[in-house]
Amino acid sequence: MQREREFSVRVIQGLQSLLHQQVVRPVLASTRPPELPLALRVLVRIPVLRDLPARLMALGVRRPQVRSPAMASVRVPGKG
């Protein structure tokens, strides 16, 4: 379980670091009015792509599958 969580955390932190280096740092260092890079301008115009970062942050890269011995004997109606 720890390895599954660690992978998601590393991916999200890597994306945050990339975003900081590519967007935040240049905006803070610039004296011009801020302008979004082309990739982000495209991202915010397409609803599926626009919602993807929030979904990644909320649900993670790979949702962990919790396997409980107590649930092994429970039958779900319609599932066999």
C-alpha atoms as a PDB file:
ATOM      1  CA  MET A   1       0.000   0.000   0.000  1.00  0.00           C
ATOM      2  CA  GLN A   2       2.835   2.396   0.853  1.00  0.00           C
ATOM      3  CA  ARG A   3       4.467   1.912  -2.579  1.00  0.00           C
ATOM      4  CA  GLU A   4       1.177   2.640  -4.353  1.00  0.00           C
ATOM      5  CA  ARG A   5       0.702   5.864  -2.425  1.00  0.00           C
ATOM      6  CA  GLU A   6       4.336   6.861  -2.808  1.00  0.00           C
ATOM      7  CA  PHE A   7       4.141   6.549  -6.611  1.00  0.00           C
ATOM      8  CA  SER A   8       1.130   8.884  -6.801  1.00  0.00           C
ATOM      9  CA  VAL A   9       2.735  11.398  -4.463  1.00  0.00           C
ATOM     10  CA  ARG A  10       5.958  11.431  -6.491  1.00  0.00           C
ATOM     11  CA  VAL A  11       4.098  11.963  -9.769  1.00  0.00           C
ATOM     12  CA  ILE A  12       1.977  14.804  -8.373  1.00  0.00           C
ATOM     13  CA  GLN A  13       5.007  16.473  -6.774  1.00  0.00           C
ATOM     14  CA  GLY A  14       6.907  16.167 -10.043  1.00  0.00           C
ATOM     15  CA  LEU A  15       4.049  17.839 -11.920  1.00  0.00           C
ATOM     16  CA  GLN A  16       3.886  20.607  -9.325  1.00  0.00           C
ATOM     17  CA  SER A  17       7.630  21.171  -9.623  1.00  0.00           C
ATOM     18  CA  LEU A  18       7.429  21.281 -13.426  1.00  0.00           C
ATOM     19  CA  LEU A  19       4.546  23.754 -13.283  1.00  0.00           C
ATOM     20  CA  HIS A  20       6.492  25.931 -10.864  1.00  0.00           C
ATOM     21  CA  GLN A  21       9.612  25.921 -13.061  1.00  0.00           C
ATOM     22  CA  GLN A  22       7.782  26.480 -16.347  1.00  0.00           C
ATOM     23  CA  VAL A  23       5.058  28.928 -15.276  1.00  0.00           C
ATOM     24  CA  VAL A  24       5.393  30.432 -11.811  1.00  0.00           C
ATOM     25  CA  ARG A  25       9.125  31.163 -11.760  1.00  0.00           C
ATOM     26  CA  PRO A  26       9.170  32.948 -15.172  1.00  0.00           C
ATOM     27  CA  VAL A  27       6.104  35.012 -14.260  1.00  0.00           C
ATOM     28  CA  LEU A  28       7.658  36.126 -10.972  1.00  0.00           C
ATOM     29  CA  ALA A  29      10.983  36.959 -12.662  1.00  0.00           C
ATOM     30  CA  SER A  30       9.381  38.943 -15.491  1.00  0.00           C
ATOM     31  CA  THR A  31       8.608  42.645 -15.481  1.00  0.00           C
ATOM     32  CA  ARG A  32       6.024  42.237 -18.264  1.00  0.00           C
ATOM     33  CA  PRO A  33       2.366  41.447 -17.590  1.00  0.00           C
ATOM     34  CA  PRO A  34       1.956  37.672 -17.170  1.00  0.00           C
ATOM     35  CA  GLU A  35       0.920  35.584 -20.158  1.00  0.00           C
ATOM     36  CA  LEU A  36       0.085  31.895 -20.071  1.00  0.00           C
ATOM     37  CA  PRO A  37       2.237  29.594 -22.185  1.00  0.00           C
ATOM     38  CA  LEU A  38       0.536  28.203 -25.292  1.00  0.00           C
ATOM     39  CA  ALA A  39       0.095  24.740 -23.738  1.00  0.00           C
ATOM     40  CA  LEU A  40      -1.827  26.188 -20.779  1.00  0.00           C
ATOM     41  CA  ARG A  41      -3.947  28.431 -23.008  1.00  0.00           C
ATOM     42  CA  VAL A  42      -5.016  25.338 -24.948  1.00  0.00           C
ATOM     43  CA  LEU A  43      -5.544  23.413 -21.712  1.00  0.00           C
ATOM     44  CA  VAL A  44      -8.005  25.944 -20.273  1.00  0.00           C
ATOM     45  CA  ARG A  45     -10.097  26.062 -23.476  1.00  0.00           C
ATOM     46  CA  ILE A  46     -10.821  22.326 -23.691  1.00  0.00           C
ATOM     47  CA  PRO A  47     -13.121  21.183 -20.845  1.00  0.00           C
ATOM     48  CA  VAL A  48     -11.763  17.617 -20.570  1.00  0.00           C
ATOM     49  CA  LEU A  49      -8.168  18.871 -20.409  1.00  0.00           C
ATOM     50  CA  ARG A  50      -9.098  21.794 -18.163  1.00  0.00           C
ATOM     51  CA  ASP A  51     -10.594  19.438 -15.565  1.00  0.00           C
ATOM     52  CA  LEU A  52      -7.761  16.908 -15.674  1.00  0.00           C
ATOM     53  CA  PRO A  53      -5.345  18.632 -13.234  1.00  0.00           C
ATOM     54  CA  ALA A  54      -8.044  18.984 -10.567  1.00  0.00           C
ATOM     55  CA  ARG A  55      -9.053  15.352 -11.061  1.00  0.00           C
ATOM     56  CA  LEU A  56      -5.434  14.222 -10.707  1.00  0.00           C
ATOM     57  CA  MET A  57      -5.028  16.213  -7.500  1.00  0.00           C
ATOM     58  CA  ALA A  58      -8.313  14.932  -6.055  1.00  0.00           C
ATOM     59  CA  LEU A  59      -8.148  11.278  -7.036  1.00  0.00           C
ATOM     60  CA  GLY A  60      -4.430  10.767  -7.534  1.00  0.00           C
ATOM     61  CA  VAL A  61      -2.652   9.155 -10.432  1.00  0.00           C
ATOM     62  CA  ARG A  62      -3.593   5.636  -9.482  1.00  0.00           C
ATOM     63  CA  ARG A  63      -6.289   5.066  -6.898  1.00  0.00           C
ATOM     64  CA  PRO A  64      -5.215   2.417  -4.375  1.00  0.00           C
ATOM     65  CA  GLN A  65      -7.209  -0.808  -4.321  1.00  0.00           C
ATOM     66  CA  VAL A  66      -7.887  -1.716  -0.708  1.00  0.00           C
ATOM     67  CA  ARG A  67      -8.334  -5.436  -0.192  1.00  0.00           C
ATOM     68  CA  SER A  68      -9.952  -6.322   3.088  1.00  0.00           C
ATOM     69  CA  PRO A  69     -10.105  -9.928   4.309  1.00  0.00           C
ATOM     70  CA  ALA A  70     -13.423  -9.082   5.986  1.00  0.00           C
ATOM     71  CA  MET A  71     -14.941  -8.214   2.605  1.00  0.00           C
ATOM     72  CA  ALA A  72     -13.733 -11.396   0.882  1.00  0.00           C
ATOM     73  CA  SER A  73     -16.815 -13.344   1.949  1.00  0.00           C
ATOM     74  CA  VAL A  74     -19.343 -10.593   1.147  1.00  0.00           C
ATOM     75  CA  ARG A  75     -21.272 -11.175  -2.065  1.00  0.00           C
ATOM     76  CA  VAL A  76     -22.358  -8.212  -4.132  1.00  0.00           C
ATOM     77  CA  PRO A  77     -25.818  -8.645  -5.734  1.00  0.00           C
ATOM     78  CA  GLY A  78     -25.518  -9.103  -9.485  1.00  0.00           C
ATOM     79  CA  LYS A  79     -21.780  -9.852  -9.338  1.00  0.00           C
ATOM     80  CA  GLY A  80     -21.860 -13.611  -9.292  1.00  0.00           C
END
